[in-house]
PDB file of N, CA and C in Angstrom:
ATOM      1  N   UNK A   1       0.838  -1.174   0.000  1.00  0.00           N
ATOM      2  CA  UNK A   1       0.000   0.000   0.000  1.00  0.00           C
ATOM      3  C   UNK A   1       0.884   1.238   0.000  1.00  0.00           C
ATOM      4  N   UNK A   2       0.549   2.189  -0.859  1.00  0.00           N
ATOM      5  CA  UNK A   2       1.289   3.444  -0.925  1.00  0.00           C
ATOM      6  C   UNK A   2       0.862   4.345   0.223  1.00  0.00           C
ATOM      7  N   UNK A   3       1.851   5.021   0.801  1.00  0.00           N
ATOM      8  CA  UNK A   3       1.562   5.972   1.863  1.00  0.00           C
ATOM      9  C   UNK A   3       1.746   7.411   1.417  1.00  0.00           C
ATOM     10  N   UNK A   4       2.379   7.586   0.264  1.00  0.00           N
ATOM     11  CA  UNK A   4       2.564   8.931  -0.272  1.00  0.00           C
ATOM     12  C   UNK A   4       1.926   9.012  -1.646  1.00  0.00           C
ATOM     13  N   UNK A   5       1.266  10.088  -1.954  1.00  0.00           N
ATOM     14  CA  UNK A   5       0.668  10.218  -3.285  1.00  0.00           C
ATOM     15  C   UNK A   5       1.729  10.305  -4.368  1.00  0.00           C
ATOM     16  N   UNK A   6       1.332   9.988  -5.598  1.00  0.00           N
ATOM     17  CA  UNK A   6       2.261  10.012  -6.727  1.00  0.00           C
ATOM     18  C   UNK A   6       2.891  11.376  -6.951  1.00  0.00           C
ATOM     19  N   UNK A   7       2.209  12.449  -6.543  1.00  0.00           N
ATOM     20  CA  UNK A   7       2.761  13.778  -6.781  1.00  0.00           C
ATOM     21  C   UNK A   7       4.090  13.985  -6.055  1.00  0.00           C
ATOM     22  N   UNK A   8       4.371  13.152  -5.061  1.00  0.00           N
ATOM     23  CA  UNK A   8       5.625  13.303  -4.330  1.00  0.00           C
ATOM     24  C   UNK A   8       6.719  12.373  -4.850  1.00  0.00           C
ATOM     25  N   UNK A   9       6.429  11.582  -5.877  1.00  0.00           N
ATOM     26  CA  UNK A   9       7.444  10.700  -6.449  1.00  0.00           C
ATOM     27  C   UNK A   9       8.595  11.557  -6.977  1.00  0.00           C
ATOM     28  N   UNK A  10       9.821  11.182  -6.640  1.00  0.00           N
ATOM     29  CA  UNK A  10      10.997  11.897  -7.108  1.00  0.00           C
ATOM     30  C   UNK A  10      11.331  13.151  -6.330  1.00  0.00           C
ATOM     31  N   UNK A  11      10.555  13.446  -5.293  1.00  0.00           N
ATOM     32  CA  UNK A  11      10.777  14.636  -4.477  1.00  0.00           C
ATOM     33  C   UNK A  11      11.553  14.241  -3.229  1.00  0.00           C
ATOM     34  N   UNK A  12      12.503  15.073  -2.832  1.00  0.00           N
ATOM     35  CA  UNK A  12      13.266  14.810  -1.603  1.00  0.00           C
ATOM     36  C   UNK A  12      12.417  15.138  -0.381  1.00  0.00           C
ATOM     37  N   UNK A  13      12.273  14.165   0.506  1.00  0.00           N
ATOM     38  CA  UNK A  13      11.569  14.366   1.772  1.00  0.00           C
ATOM     39  C   UNK A  13      12.548  14.071   2.915  1.00  0.00           C
ATOM     40  N   UNK A  14      12.508  14.893   3.936  1.00  0.00           N
ATOM     41  CA  UNK A  14      13.364  14.665   5.107  1.00  0.00           C
ATOM     42  C   UNK A  14      12.643  13.685   6.016  1.00  0.00           C
ATOM     43  N   UNK A  15      13.263  12.538   6.221  1.00  0.00           N
ATOM     44  CA  UNK A  15      12.655  11.473   7.019  1.00  0.00           C
ATOM     45  C   UNK A  15      12.873  11.647   8.506  1.00  0.00           C
ATOM     46  N   UNK A  16      14.015  12.253   8.860  1.00  0.00           N
ATOM     47  CA  UNK A  16      14.372  12.317  10.273  1.00  0.00           C
ATOM     48  C   UNK A  16      15.470  13.347  10.503  1.00  0.00           C
ATOM     49  N   UNK A  17      15.439  13.940  11.682  1.00  0.00           N
ATOM     50  CA  UNK A  17      16.519  14.821  12.123  1.00  0.00           C
ATOM     51  C   UNK A  17      16.869  14.413  13.541  1.00  0.00           C
ATOM     52  N   UNK A  18      18.104  14.041  13.734  1.00  0.00           N
ATOM     53  CA  UNK A  18      18.638  13.693  15.053  1.00  0.00           C
ATOM     54  C   UNK A  18      19.787  14.645  15.341  1.00  0.00           C
ATOM     55  N   UNK A  19      20.269  14.692  16.584  1.00  0.00           N
ATOM     56  CA  UNK A  19      21.396  15.592  16.877  1.00  0.00           C
ATOM     57  C   UNK A  19      22.630  15.355  15.997  1.00  0.00           C
ATOM     58  N   UNK A  20      22.858  14.134  15.540  1.00  0.00           N
ATOM     59  CA  UNK A  20      24.062  13.862  14.767  1.00  0.00           C
ATOM     60  C   UNK A  20      23.843  13.547  13.310  1.00  0.00           C
ATOM     61  N   UNK A  21      22.593  13.700  12.804  1.00  0.00           N
ATOM     62  CA  UNK A  21      22.367  13.365  11.397  1.00  0.00           C
ATOM     63  C   UNK A  21      21.030  13.903  10.902  1.00  0.00           C
ATOM     64  N   UNK A  22      20.980  14.011   9.588  1.00  0.00           N
ATOM     65  CA  UNK A  22      19.752  14.341   8.889  1.00  0.00           C
ATOM     66  C   UNK A  22      19.524  13.216   7.898  1.00  0.00           C
ATOM     67  N   UNK A  23      18.324  12.664   7.882  1.00  0.00           N
ATOM     68  CA  UNK A  23      18.006  11.567   6.975  1.00  0.00           C
ATOM     69  C   UNK A  23      17.046  12.089   5.914  1.00  0.00           C
ATOM     70  N   UNK A  24      17.464  11.969   4.662  1.00  0.00           N
ATOM     71  CA  UNK A  24      16.640  12.365   3.519  1.00  0.00           C
ATOM     72  C   UNK A  24      16.319  11.080   2.764  1.00  0.00           C
ATOM     73  N   UNK A  25      15.032  10.761   2.692  1.00  0.00           N
ATOM     74  CA  UNK A  25      14.647   9.466   2.127  1.00  0.00           C
ATOM     75  C   UNK A  25      15.209   8.383   3.022  1.00  0.00           C
ATOM     76  N   UNK A  26      16.087   7.562   2.482  1.00  0.00           N
ATOM     77  CA  UNK A  26      16.735   6.524   3.284  1.00  0.00           C
ATOM     78  C   UNK A  26      18.231   6.784   3.458  1.00  0.00           C
ATOM     79  N   UNK A  27      18.706   7.952   3.045  1.00  0.00           N
ATOM     80  CA  UNK A  27      20.136   8.282   3.147  1.00  0.00           C
ATOM     81  C   UNK A  27      20.385   9.200   4.335  1.00  0.00           C
ATOM     82  N   UNK A  28      21.353   8.817   5.173  1.00  0.00           N
ATOM     83  CA  UNK A  28      21.707   9.607   6.358  1.00  0.00           C
ATOM     84  C   UNK A  28      22.928  10.472   6.055  1.00  0.00           C
ATOM     85  N   UNK A  29      22.894  11.703   6.555  1.00  0.00           N
ATOM     86  CA  UNK A  29      23.983  12.661   6.375  1.00  0.00           C
ATOM     87  C   UNK A  29      24.436  13.141   7.746  1.00  0.00           C
ATOM     88  N   UNK A  30      25.705  12.920   8.099  1.00  0.00           N
ATOM     89  CA  UNK A  30      26.206  13.333   9.413  1.00  0.00           C
ATOM     90  C   UNK A  30      26.797  14.743   9.412  1.00  0.00           C
ATOM     91  N   UNK A  31      26.404  15.571   8.457  1.00  0.00           N
ATOM     92  CA  UNK A  31      26.968  16.908   8.289  1.00  0.00           C
ATOM     93  C   UNK A  31      25.912  17.821   7.679  1.00  0.00           C
ATOM     94  N   UNK A  32      26.214  19.077   7.580  1.00  0.00           N
ATOM     95  CA  UNK A  32      25.297  20.052   6.993  1.00  0.00           C
ATOM     96  C   UNK A  32      25.045  19.716   5.525  1.00  0.00           C
ATOM     97  N   UNK A  33      23.803  19.974   5.083  1.00  0.00           N
ATOM     98  CA  UNK A  33      23.423  19.640   3.716  1.00  0.00           C
ATOM     99  C   UNK A  33      22.494  20.693   3.114  1.00  0.00           C
ATOM    100  N   UNK A  34      22.443  20.679   1.795  1.00  0.00           N
ATOM    101  CA  UNK A  34      21.440  21.418   1.039  1.00  0.00           C
ATOM    102  C   UNK A  34      20.489  20.374   0.479  1.00  0.00           C
ATOM    103  N   UNK A  35      19.212  20.534   0.780  1.00  0.00           N
ATOM    104  CA  UNK A  35      18.207  19.582   0.315  1.00  0.00           C
ATOM    105  C   UNK A  35      17.280  20.316  -0.657  1.00  0.00           C
ATOM    106  N   UNK A  36      17.503  20.137  -1.974  1.00  0.00           N
ATOM    107  CA  UNK A  36      16.585  20.738  -2.932  1.00  0.00           C
ATOM    108  C   UNK A  36      15.333  19.875  -3.069  1.00  0.00           C
ATOM    109  N   UNK A  37      14.255  20.485  -3.512  1.00  0.00           N
ATOM    110  CA  UNK A  37      13.001  19.745  -3.643  1.00  0.00           C
ATOM    111  C   UNK A  37      13.145  18.551  -4.584  1.00  0.00           C
ATOM    112  N   UNK A  38      13.970  18.651  -5.599  1.00  0.00           N
ATOM    113  CA  UNK A  38      14.286  17.540  -6.494  1.00  0.00           C
ATOM    114  C   UNK A  38      15.785  17.547  -6.759  1.00  0.00           C
ATOM    115  N   UNK A  39      16.308  16.406  -7.168  1.00  0.00           N
ATOM    116  CA  UNK A  39      17.737  16.318  -7.466  1.00  0.00           C
ATOM    117  C   UNK A  39      18.513  15.777  -6.270  1.00  0.00           C
ATOM    118  N   UNK A  40      19.803  15.891  -6.369  1.00  0.00           N
ATOM    119  CA  UNK A  40      20.679  15.322  -5.348  1.00  0.00           C
ATOM    120  C   UNK A  40      20.827  16.222  -4.135  1.00  0.00           C
ATOM    121  N   UNK A  41      20.841  15.582  -2.977  1.00  0.00           N
ATOM    122  CA  UNK A  41      21.188  16.280  -1.741  1.00  0.00           C
ATOM    123  C   UNK A  41      22.674  16.618  -1.840  1.00  0.00           C
ATOM    124  N   UNK A  42      23.049  17.824  -1.440  1.00  0.00           N
ATOM    125  CA  UNK A  42      24.426  18.282  -1.594  1.00  0.00           C
ATOM    126  C   UNK A  42      25.066  18.541  -0.237  1.00  0.00           C
ATOM    127  N   UNK A  43      26.323  18.146  -0.118  1.00  0.00           N
ATOM    128  CA  UNK A  43      27.085  18.496   1.080  1.00  0.00           C
ATOM    129  C   UNK A  43      27.195  20.011   1.150  1.00  0.00           C
ATOM    130  N   UNK A  44      27.157  20.539   2.363  1.00  0.00           N
ATOM    131  CA  UNK A  44      27.279  21.983   2.569  1.00  0.00           C
ATOM    132  C   UNK A  44      28.369  22.188   3.606  1.00  0.00           C
ATOM    133  N   UNK A  45      29.474  22.778   3.213  1.00  0.00           N
ATOM    134  CA  UNK A  45      30.646  22.914   4.072  1.00  0.00           C
ATOM    135  C   UNK A  45      30.462  24.023   5.114  1.00  0.00           C
ATOM    136  N   UNK A  46      29.456  23.864   5.953  1.00  0.00           N
ATOM    137  CA  UNK A  46      29.196  24.802   7.044  1.00  0.00           C
ATOM    138  C   UNK A  46      29.019  23.959   8.304  1.00  0.00           C
ATOM    139  N   UNK A  47      29.900  24.133   9.263  1.00  0.00           N
ATOM    140  CA  UNK A  47      29.762  23.376  10.506  1.00  0.00           C
ATOM    141  C   UNK A  47      29.275  24.243  11.663  1.00  0.00           C
ATOM    142  N   UNK A  48      29.210  25.549  11.437  1.00  0.00           N
ATOM    143  CA  UNK A  48      28.728  26.471  12.469  1.00  0.00           C
ATOM    144  C   UNK A  48      28.088  27.674  11.787  1.00  0.00           C
ATOM    145  N   UNK A  49      27.075  28.209  12.401  1.00  0.00           N
ATOM    146  CA  UNK A  49      26.340  29.343  11.852  1.00  0.00           C
ATOM    147  C   UNK A  49      27.264  30.521  11.536  1.00  0.00           C
ATOM    148  N   UNK A  50      28.239  30.763  12.389  1.00  0.00           N
ATOM    149  CA  UNK A  50      29.149  31.895  12.210  1.00  0.00           C
ATOM    150  C   UNK A  50      30.042  31.773  10.974  1.00  0.00           C
ATOM    151  N   UNK A  51      30.069  30.625  10.339  1.00  0.00           N
ATOM    152  CA  UNK A  51      30.868  30.426   9.129  1.00  0.00           C
ATOM    153  C   UNK A  51      30.167  30.908   7.864  1.00  0.00           C
ATOM    154  N   UNK A  52      28.878  31.223   7.950  1.00  0.00           N
ATOM    155  CA  UNK A  52      28.143  31.619   6.750  1.00  0.00           C
ATOM    156  C   UNK A  52      28.781  32.826   6.078  1.00  0.00           C
ATOM    157  N   UNK A  53      28.891  32.737   4.748  1.00  0.00           N
ATOM    158  CA  UNK A  53      29.476  33.810   3.945  1.00  0.00           C
ATOM    159  C   UNK A  53      28.608  34.007   2.703  1.00  0.00           C
ATOM    160  N   UNK A  54      28.839  35.085   1.986  1.00  0.00           N
ATOM    161  CA  UNK A  54      28.043  35.401   0.795  1.00  0.00           C
ATOM    162  C   UNK A  54      28.060  34.257  -0.217  1.00  0.00           C
ATOM    163  N   UNK A  55      29.179  33.582  -0.350  1.00  0.00           N
ATOM    164  CA  UNK A  55      29.285  32.467  -1.294  1.00  0.00           C
ATOM    165  C   UNK A  55      28.294  31.346  -1.013  1.00  0.00           C
ATOM    166  N   UNK A  56      27.992  31.128   0.247  1.00  0.00           N
ATOM    167  CA  UNK A  56      27.004  30.105   0.594  1.00  0.00           C
ATOM    168  C   UNK A  56      25.632  30.461   0.028  1.00  0.00           C
ATOM    169  N   UNK A  57      25.293  31.726   0.056  1.00  0.00           N
ATOM    170  CA  UNK A  57      23.994  32.168  -0.436  1.00  0.00           C
ATOM    171  C   UNK A  57      23.973  32.259  -1.963  1.00  0.00           C
ATOM    172  N   UNK A  58      25.130  32.510  -2.584  1.00  0.00           N
ATOM    173  CA  UNK A  58      25.230  32.443  -4.041  1.00  0.00           C
ATOM    174  C   UNK A  58      24.908  31.024  -4.510  1.00  0.00           C
ATOM    175  N   UNK A  59      25.451  30.061  -3.800  1.00  0.00           N
ATOM    176  CA  UNK A  59      25.205  28.659  -4.152  1.00  0.00           C
ATOM    177  C   UNK A  59      23.723  28.319  -4.037  1.00  0.00           C
ATOM    178  N   UNK A  60      23.068  28.822  -2.997  1.00  0.00           N
ATOM    179  CA  UNK A  60      21.631  28.585  -2.830  1.00  0.00           C
ATOM    180  C   UNK A  60      20.842  29.222  -3.966  1.00  0.00           C
ATOM    181  N   UNK A  61      21.171  30.441  -4.315  1.00  0.00           N
ATOM    182  CA  UNK A  61      20.460  31.143  -5.383  1.00  0.00           C
ATOM    183  C   UNK A  61      20.624  30.420  -6.722  1.00  0.00           C
ATOM    184  N   UNK A  62      21.789  29.818  -6.939  1.00  0.00           N
ATOM    185  CA  UNK A  62      22.057  29.114  -8.191  1.00  0.00           C
ATOM    186  C   UNK A  62      21.141  27.906  -8.383  1.00  0.00           C
ATOM    187  N   UNK A  63      20.569  27.392  -7.308  1.00  0.00           N
ATOM    188  CA  UNK A  63      19.649  26.254  -7.405  1.00  0.00           C
ATOM    189  C   UNK A  63      18.267  26.678  -7.921  1.00  0.00           C
ATOM    190  N   UNK A  64      18.023  27.956  -8.009  1.00  0.00           N
ATOM    191  CA  UNK A  64      16.805  28.558  -8.545  1.00  0.00           C
ATOM    192  C   UNK A  64      15.518  28.120  -7.836  1.00  0.00           C
ATOM    193  N   UNK A  65      15.513  28.147  -6.505  1.00  0.00           N
ATOM    194  CA  UNK A  65      14.268  27.838  -5.806  1.00  0.00           C
ATOM    195  C   UNK A  65      13.374  29.077  -5.750  1.00  0.00           C
ATOM    196  N   UNK A  66      12.137  28.884  -5.372  1.00  0.00           N
ATOM    197  CA  UNK A  66      11.287  30.045  -5.091  1.00  0.00           C
ATOM    198  C   UNK A  66      11.440  30.447  -3.630  1.00  0.00           C
ATOM    199  N   UNK A  67      11.926  29.517  -2.799  1.00  0.00           N
ATOM    200  CA  UNK A  67      12.039  29.756  -1.368  1.00  0.00           C
ATOM    201  C   UNK A  67      13.194  28.954  -0.787  1.00  0.00           C
ATOM    202  N   UNK A  68      13.932  29.550   0.152  1.00  0.00           N
ATOM    203  CA  UNK A  68      15.010  28.874   0.878  1.00  0.00           C
ATOM    204  C   UNK A  68      14.655  28.875   2.363  1.00  0.00           C
ATOM    205  N   UNK A  69      14.742  27.706   2.967  1.00  0.00           N
ATOM    206  CA  UNK A  69      14.566  27.572   4.411  1.00  0.00           C
ATOM    207  C   UNK A  69      15.955  27.346   4.997  1.00  0.00           C
ATOM    208  N   UNK A  70      16.393  28.239   5.863  1.00  0.00           N
ATOM    209  CA  UNK A  70      17.717  28.144   6.470  1.00  0.00           C
ATOM    210  C   UNK A  70      17.568  27.558   7.863  1.00  0.00           C
ATOM    211  N   UNK A  71      18.172  26.388   8.074  1.00  0.00           N
ATOM    212  CA  UNK A  71      18.208  25.765   9.396  1.00  0.00           C
ATOM    213  C   UNK A  71      19.471  26.225  10.089  1.00  0.00           C
ATOM    214  N   UNK A  72      19.334  27.083  11.100  1.00  0.00           N
ATOM    215  CA  UNK A  72      20.488  27.776  11.697  1.00  0.00           C
ATOM    216  C   UNK A  72      21.206  26.998  12.797  1.00  0.00           C
ATOM    217  N   UNK A  73      20.897  25.725  12.951  1.00  0.00           N
ATOM    218  CA  UNK A  73      21.563  24.927  13.983  1.00  0.00           C
ATOM    219  C   UNK A  73      20.637  24.664  15.149  1.00  0.00           C
ATOM    220  N   UNK A  74      21.220  24.556  16.339  1.00  0.00           N
ATOM    221  CA  UNK A  74      20.451  24.221  17.546  1.00  0.00           C
ATOM    222  C   UNK A  74      19.446  25.286  17.945  1.00  0.00           C
ATOM    223  N   UNK A  75      19.741  26.535  17.585  1.00  0.00           N
ATOM    224  CA  UNK A  75      18.841  27.618  17.987  1.00  0.00           C
ATOM    225  C   UNK A  75      18.643  28.582  16.827  1.00  0.00           C
ATOM    226  N   UNK A  76      17.624  29.385  16.939  1.00  0.00           N
ATOM    227  CA  UNK A  76      17.293  30.357  15.904  1.00  0.00           C
ATOM    228  C   UNK A  76      18.307  31.501  15.904  1.00  0.00           C
ATOM    229  N   UNK A  77      18.903  31.738  14.755  1.00  0.00           N
ATOM    230  CA  UNK A  77      19.807  32.867  14.537  1.00  0.00           C
ATOM    231  C   UNK A  77      19.554  33.388  13.137  1.00  0.00           C
ATOM    232  N   UNK A  78      19.793  34.664  12.935  1.00  0.00           N
ATOM    233  CA  UNK A  78      19.520  35.283  11.643  1.00  0.00           C
ATOM    234  C   UNK A  78      20.818  35.694  10.961  1.00  0.00           C
ATOM    235  N   UNK A  79      20.971  35.370   9.667  1.00  0.00           N
ATOM    236  CA  UNK A  79      22.159  35.806   8.950  1.00  0.00           C
ATOM    237  C   UNK A  79      22.147  37.324   8.750  1.00  0.00           C
ATOM    238  N   UNK A  80      23.309  37.893   8.639  1.00  0.00           N
ATOM    239  CA  UNK A  80      23.413  39.333   8.352  1.00  0.00           C
ATOM    240  C   UNK A  80      22.731  39.620   7.020  1.00  0.00           C
ATOM    241  N   UNK A  81      21.965  40.696   6.944  1.00  0.00           N
ATOM    242  CA  UNK A  81      21.254  41.021   5.697  1.00  0.00           C
ATOM    243  C   UNK A  81      22.162  41.086   4.465  1.00  0.00           C
ATOM    244  N   UNK A  82      23.379  41.545   4.619  1.00  0.00           N
ATOM    245  CA  UNK A  82      24.294  41.636   3.474  1.00  0.00           C
ATOM    246  C   UNK A  82      24.574  40.257   2.865  1.00  0.00           C
ATOM    247  N   UNK A  83      24.583  39.216   3.688  1.00  0.00           N
ATOM    248  CA  UNK A  83      24.826  37.861   3.185  1.00  0.00           C
ATOM    249  C   UNK A  83      23.682  37.372   2.308  1.00  0.00           C
ATOM    250  N   UNK A  84      22.494  37.880   2.549  1.00  0.00           N
ATOM    251  CA  UNK A  84      21.294  37.434   1.841  1.00  0.00           C
ATOM    252  C   UNK A  84      21.114  38.100   0.475  1.00  0.00           C
ATOM    253  N   UNK A  85      21.990  39.016   0.144  1.00  0.00           N
ATOM    254  CA  UNK A  85      21.870  39.779  -1.105  1.00  0.00           C
ATOM    255  C   UNK A  85      21.661  38.889  -2.340  1.00  0.00           C
ATOM    256  N   UNK A  86      22.403  37.774  -2.504  1.00  0.00           N
ATOM    257  CA  UNK A  86      22.177  36.944  -3.700  1.00  0.00           C
ATOM    258  C   UNK A  86      20.734  36.435  -3.807  1.00  0.00           C
ATOM    259  N   UNK A  87      20.110  36.147  -2.704  1.00  0.00           N
ATOM    260  CA  UNK A  87      18.720  35.697  -2.723  1.00  0.00           C
ATOM    261  C   UNK A  87      17.776  36.863  -3.008  1.00  0.00           C
ATOM    262  N   UNK A  88      18.024  37.978  -2.340  1.00  0.00           N
ATOM    263  CA  UNK A  88      17.168  39.155  -2.503  1.00  0.00           C
ATOM    264  C   UNK A  88      17.200  39.642  -3.950  1.00  0.00           C
ATOM    265  N   UNK A  89      18.392  39.707  -4.548  1.00  0.00           N
ATOM    266  CA  UNK A  89      18.524  40.186  -5.917  1.00  0.00           C
ATOM    267  C   UNK A  89      17.793  39.302  -6.917  1.00  0.00           C
ATOM    268  N   UNK A  90      17.682  38.015  -6.611  1.00  0.00           N
ATOM    269  CA  UNK A  90      16.987  37.082  -7.511  1.00  0.00           C
ATOM    270  C   UNK A  90      15.527  36.874  -7.105  1.00  0.00           C
ATOM    271  N   UNK A  91      15.086  37.665  -6.138  1.00  0.00           N
ATOM    272  CA  UNK A  91      13.699  37.610  -5.649  1.00  0.00           C
ATOM    273  C   UNK A  91      13.315  36.224  -5.134  1.00  0.00           C
ATOM    274  N   UNK A  92      14.266  35.588  -4.441  1.00  0.00           N
ATOM    275  CA  UNK A  92      14.034  34.290  -3.812  1.00  0.00           C
ATOM    276  C   UNK A  92      13.641  34.558  -2.363  1.00  0.00           C
ATOM    277  N   UNK A  93      12.510  34.002  -1.947  1.00  0.00           N
ATOM    278  CA  UNK A  93      12.094  34.159  -0.558  1.00  0.00           C
ATOM    279  C   UNK A  93      12.982  33.330   0.352  1.00  0.00           C
ATOM    280  N   UNK A  94      13.055  33.713   1.618  1.00  0.00           N
ATOM    281  CA  UNK A  94      13.866  32.956   2.570  1.00  0.00           C
ATOM    282  C   UNK A  94      13.253  33.093   3.955  1.00  0.00           C
ATOM    283  N   UNK A  95      13.510  32.090   4.753  1.00  0.00           N
ATOM    284  CA  UNK A  95      13.057  32.074   6.146  1.00  0.00           C
ATOM    285  C   UNK A  95      14.132  31.364   6.941  1.00  0.00           C
ATOM    286  N   UNK A  96      14.359  31.823   8.152  1.00  0.00           N
ATOM    287  CA  UNK A  96      15.363  31.221   9.026  1.00  0.00           C
ATOM    288  C   UNK A  96      14.673  30.672  10.267  1.00  0.00           C
ATOM    289  N   UNK A  97      15.083  29.481  10.682  1.00  0.00           N
ATOM    290  CA  UNK A  97      14.583  28.854  11.907  1.00  0.00           C
ATOM    291  C   UNK A  97      15.620  27.839  12.370  1.00  0.00           C
ATOM    292  N   UNK A  98      15.446  27.280  13.564  1.00  0.00           N
ATOM    293  CA  UNK A  98      16.400  26.261  13.986  1.00  0.00           C
ATOM    294  C   UNK A  98      16.285  25.074  13.034  1.00  0.00           C
ATOM    295  N   UNK A  99      17.291  24.216  12.995  1.00  0.00           N
ATOM    296  CA  UNK A  99      17.348  23.147  12.005  1.00  0.00           C
ATOM    297  C   UNK A  99      16.196  22.157  12.127  1.00  0.00           C
ATOM    298  N   UNK A 100      15.801  21.802  13.331  1.00  0.00           N
ATOM    299  CA  UNK A 100      14.680  20.867  13.488  1.00  0.00           C
ATOM    300  C   UNK A 100      13.403  21.449  12.887  1.00  0.00           C
ATOM    301  N   UNK A 101      13.108  22.708  13.165  1.00  0.00           N
ATOM    302  CA  UNK A 101      11.919  23.361  12.607  1.00  0.00           C
ATOM    303  C   UNK A 101      12.043  23.499  11.092  1.00  0.00           C
ATOM    304  N   UNK A 102      13.244  23.763  10.603  1.00  0.00           N
ATOM    305  CA  UNK A 102      13.459  23.883   9.162  1.00  0.00           C
ATOM    306  C   UNK A 102      13.151  22.567   8.447  1.00  0.00           C
ATOM    307  N   UNK A 103      13.521  21.447   9.051  1.00  0.00           N
ATOM    308  CA  UNK A 103      13.221  20.135   8.461  1.00  0.00           C
ATOM    309  C   UNK A 103      11.711  19.930   8.346  1.00  0.00           C
ATOM    310  N   UNK A 104      10.988  20.247   9.394  1.00  0.00           N
ATOM    311  CA  UNK A 104       9.525  20.079   9.382  1.00  0.00           C
ATOM    312  C   UNK A 104       8.879  21.010   8.359  1.00  0.00           C
ATOM    313  N   UNK A 105       9.302  22.251   8.344  1.00  0.00           N
ATOM    314  CA  UNK A 105       8.726  23.235   7.430  1.00  0.00           C
ATOM    315  C   UNK A 105       9.015  22.878   5.977  1.00  0.00           C
ATOM    316  N   UNK A 106      10.222  22.439   5.706  1.00  0.00           N
ATOM    317  CA  UNK A 106      10.586  22.007   4.356  1.00  0.00           C
ATOM    318  C   UNK A 106       9.627  20.925   3.864  1.00  0.00           C
ATOM    319  N   UNK A 107       9.370  19.912   4.695  1.00  0.00           N
ATOM    320  CA  UNK A 107       8.484  18.823   4.281  1.00  0.00           C
ATOM    321  C   UNK A 107       7.077  19.322   3.969  1.00  0.00           C
ATOM    322  N   UNK A 108       6.582  20.256   4.761  1.00  0.00           N
ATOM    323  CA  UNK A 108       5.253  20.815   4.495  1.00  0.00           C
ATOM    324  C   UNK A 108       5.252  21.528   3.140  1.00  0.00           C
ATOM    325  N   UNK A 109       6.268  22.333   2.890  1.00  0.00           N
ATOM    326  CA  UNK A 109       6.335  23.088   1.634  1.00  0.00           C
ATOM    327  C   UNK A 109       6.481  22.166   0.429  1.00  0.00           C
ATOM    328  N   UNK A 110       7.289  21.129   0.559  1.00  0.00           N
ATOM    329  CA  UNK A 110       7.454  20.172  -0.534  1.00  0.00           C
ATOM    330  C   UNK A 110       6.131  19.446  -0.802  1.00  0.00           C
ATOM    331  N   UNK A 111       5.411  19.113   0.251  1.00  0.00           N
ATOM    332  CA  UNK A 111       4.126  18.426   0.058  1.00  0.00           C
ATOM    333  C   UNK A 111       3.113  19.334  -0.645  1.00  0.00           C
ATOM    334  N   UNK A 112       3.340  20.640  -0.589  1.00  0.00           N
ATOM    335  CA  UNK A 112       2.504  21.609  -1.313  1.00  0.00           C
ATOM    336  C   UNK A 112       3.030  21.868  -2.725  1.00  0.00           C
ATOM    337  N   UNK A 113       4.023  21.079  -3.139  1.00  0.00           N
ATOM    338  CA  UNK A 113       4.640  21.165  -4.466  1.00  0.00           C
ATOM    339  C   UNK A 113       5.372  22.480  -4.697  1.00  0.00           C
ATOM    340  N   UNK A 114       5.988  23.001  -3.663  1.00  0.00           N
ATOM    341  CA  UNK A 114       6.765  24.239  -3.777  1.00  0.00           C
ATOM    342  C   UNK A 114       8.201  23.900  -4.145  1.00  0.00           C
ATOM    343  N   UNK A 115       8.848  24.763  -4.903  1.00  0.00           N
ATOM    344  CA  UNK A 115      10.269  24.583  -5.234  1.00  0.00           C
ATOM    345  C   UNK A 115      11.084  25.255  -4.134  1.00  0.00           C
ATOM    346  N   UNK A 116      11.468  24.453  -3.173  1.00  0.00           N
ATOM    347  CA  UNK A 116      12.117  24.936  -1.962  1.00  0.00           C
ATOM    348  C   UNK A 116      13.441  24.206  -1.754  1.00  0.00           C
ATOM    349  N   UNK A 117      14.384  24.900  -1.149  1.00  0.00           N
ATOM    350  CA  UNK A 117      15.659  24.298  -0.760  1.00  0.00           C
ATOM    351  C   UNK A 117      15.815  24.490   0.740  1.00  0.00           C
ATOM    352  N   UNK A 118      16.164  23.409   1.432  1.00  0.00           N
ATOM    353  CA  UNK A 118      16.501  23.498   2.854  1.00  0.00           C
ATOM    354  C   UNK A 118      18.021  23.549   2.967  1.00  0.00           C
ATOM    355  N   UNK A 119      18.531  24.598   3.580  1.00  0.00           N
ATOM    356  CA  UNK A 119      19.959  24.755   3.847  1.00  0.00           C
ATOM    357  C   UNK A 119      20.127  24.482   5.341  1.00  0.00           C
ATOM    358  N   UNK A 120      20.563  23.263   5.665  1.00  0.00           N
ATOM    359  CA  UNK A 120      20.507  22.780   7.042  1.00  0.00           C
ATOM    360  C   UNK A 120      21.888  22.685   7.676  1.00  0.00           C
ATOM    361  N   UNK A 121      22.100  23.457   8.724  1.00  0.00           N
ATOM    362  CA  UNK A 121      23.351  23.410   9.471  1.00  0.00           C
ATOM    363  C   UNK A 121      23.208  22.353  10.563  1.00  0.00           C
ATOM    364  N   UNK A 122      24.095  21.371  10.529  1.00  0.00           N
ATOM    365  CA  UNK A 122      24.122  20.331  11.545  1.00  0.00           C
ATOM    366  C   UNK A 122      25.358  20.585  12.418  1.00  0.00           C
ATOM    367  N   UNK A 123      25.116  21.168  13.567  1.00  0.00           N
ATOM    368  CA  UNK A 123      26.207  21.500  14.489  1.00  0.00           C
ATOM    369  C   UNK A 123      26.551  20.285  15.346  1.00  0.00           C
ATOM    370  N   UNK A 124      27.773  20.239  15.860  1.00  0.00           N
ATOM    371  CA  UNK A 124      28.114  19.166  16.808  1.00  0.00           C
ATOM    372  C   UNK A 124      27.189  19.264  18.013  1.00  0.00           C
ATOM    373  N   UNK A 125      26.876  18.134  18.593  1.00  0.00           N
ATOM    374  CA  UNK A 125      26.001  18.108  19.777  1.00  0.00           C
ATOM    375  C   UNK A 125      26.609  18.887  20.910  1.00  0.00           C
ATOM    376  N   UNK A 126      25.748  19.641  21.599  1.00  0.00           N
ATOM    377  CA  UNK A 126      26.204  20.391  22.790  1.00  0.00           C
ATOM    378  C   UNK A 126      26.277  19.409  23.943  1.00  0.00           C
ATOM    379  N   UNK A 127      27.457  19.204  24.464  1.00  0.00           N
ATOM    380  CA  UNK A 127      27.627  18.220  25.539  1.00  0.00           C
ATOM    381  C   UNK A 127      27.617  18.865  26.891  1.00  0.00           C
TER     382      UNK A 127
END
């Protein structure tokens, strides 16, 4: 029995988020990732929110989404407005939330057939 409608065939869905991994479909990622609505999940060389630079947002804009969900790690933090310029110039919407909330929100948007990218920062566990 199918549990997902055909409209979601070929779409990336986030199955799980744990402190040490993000699972997209059946593939686990122990590091930060970019999850586009379709296509390959991409490694994202960001291990901490403070590492974000303009180049990271250029890469997001190049994926041509209508919306970017930024998962800022364990807690909600906002990128400097200057870093968001590549998205703003291309009229790409964006929202920032903690990574767990970003995973949930991404799935809702994908189920609505939106062209969205989740940019998820997976920080080391706070011990």
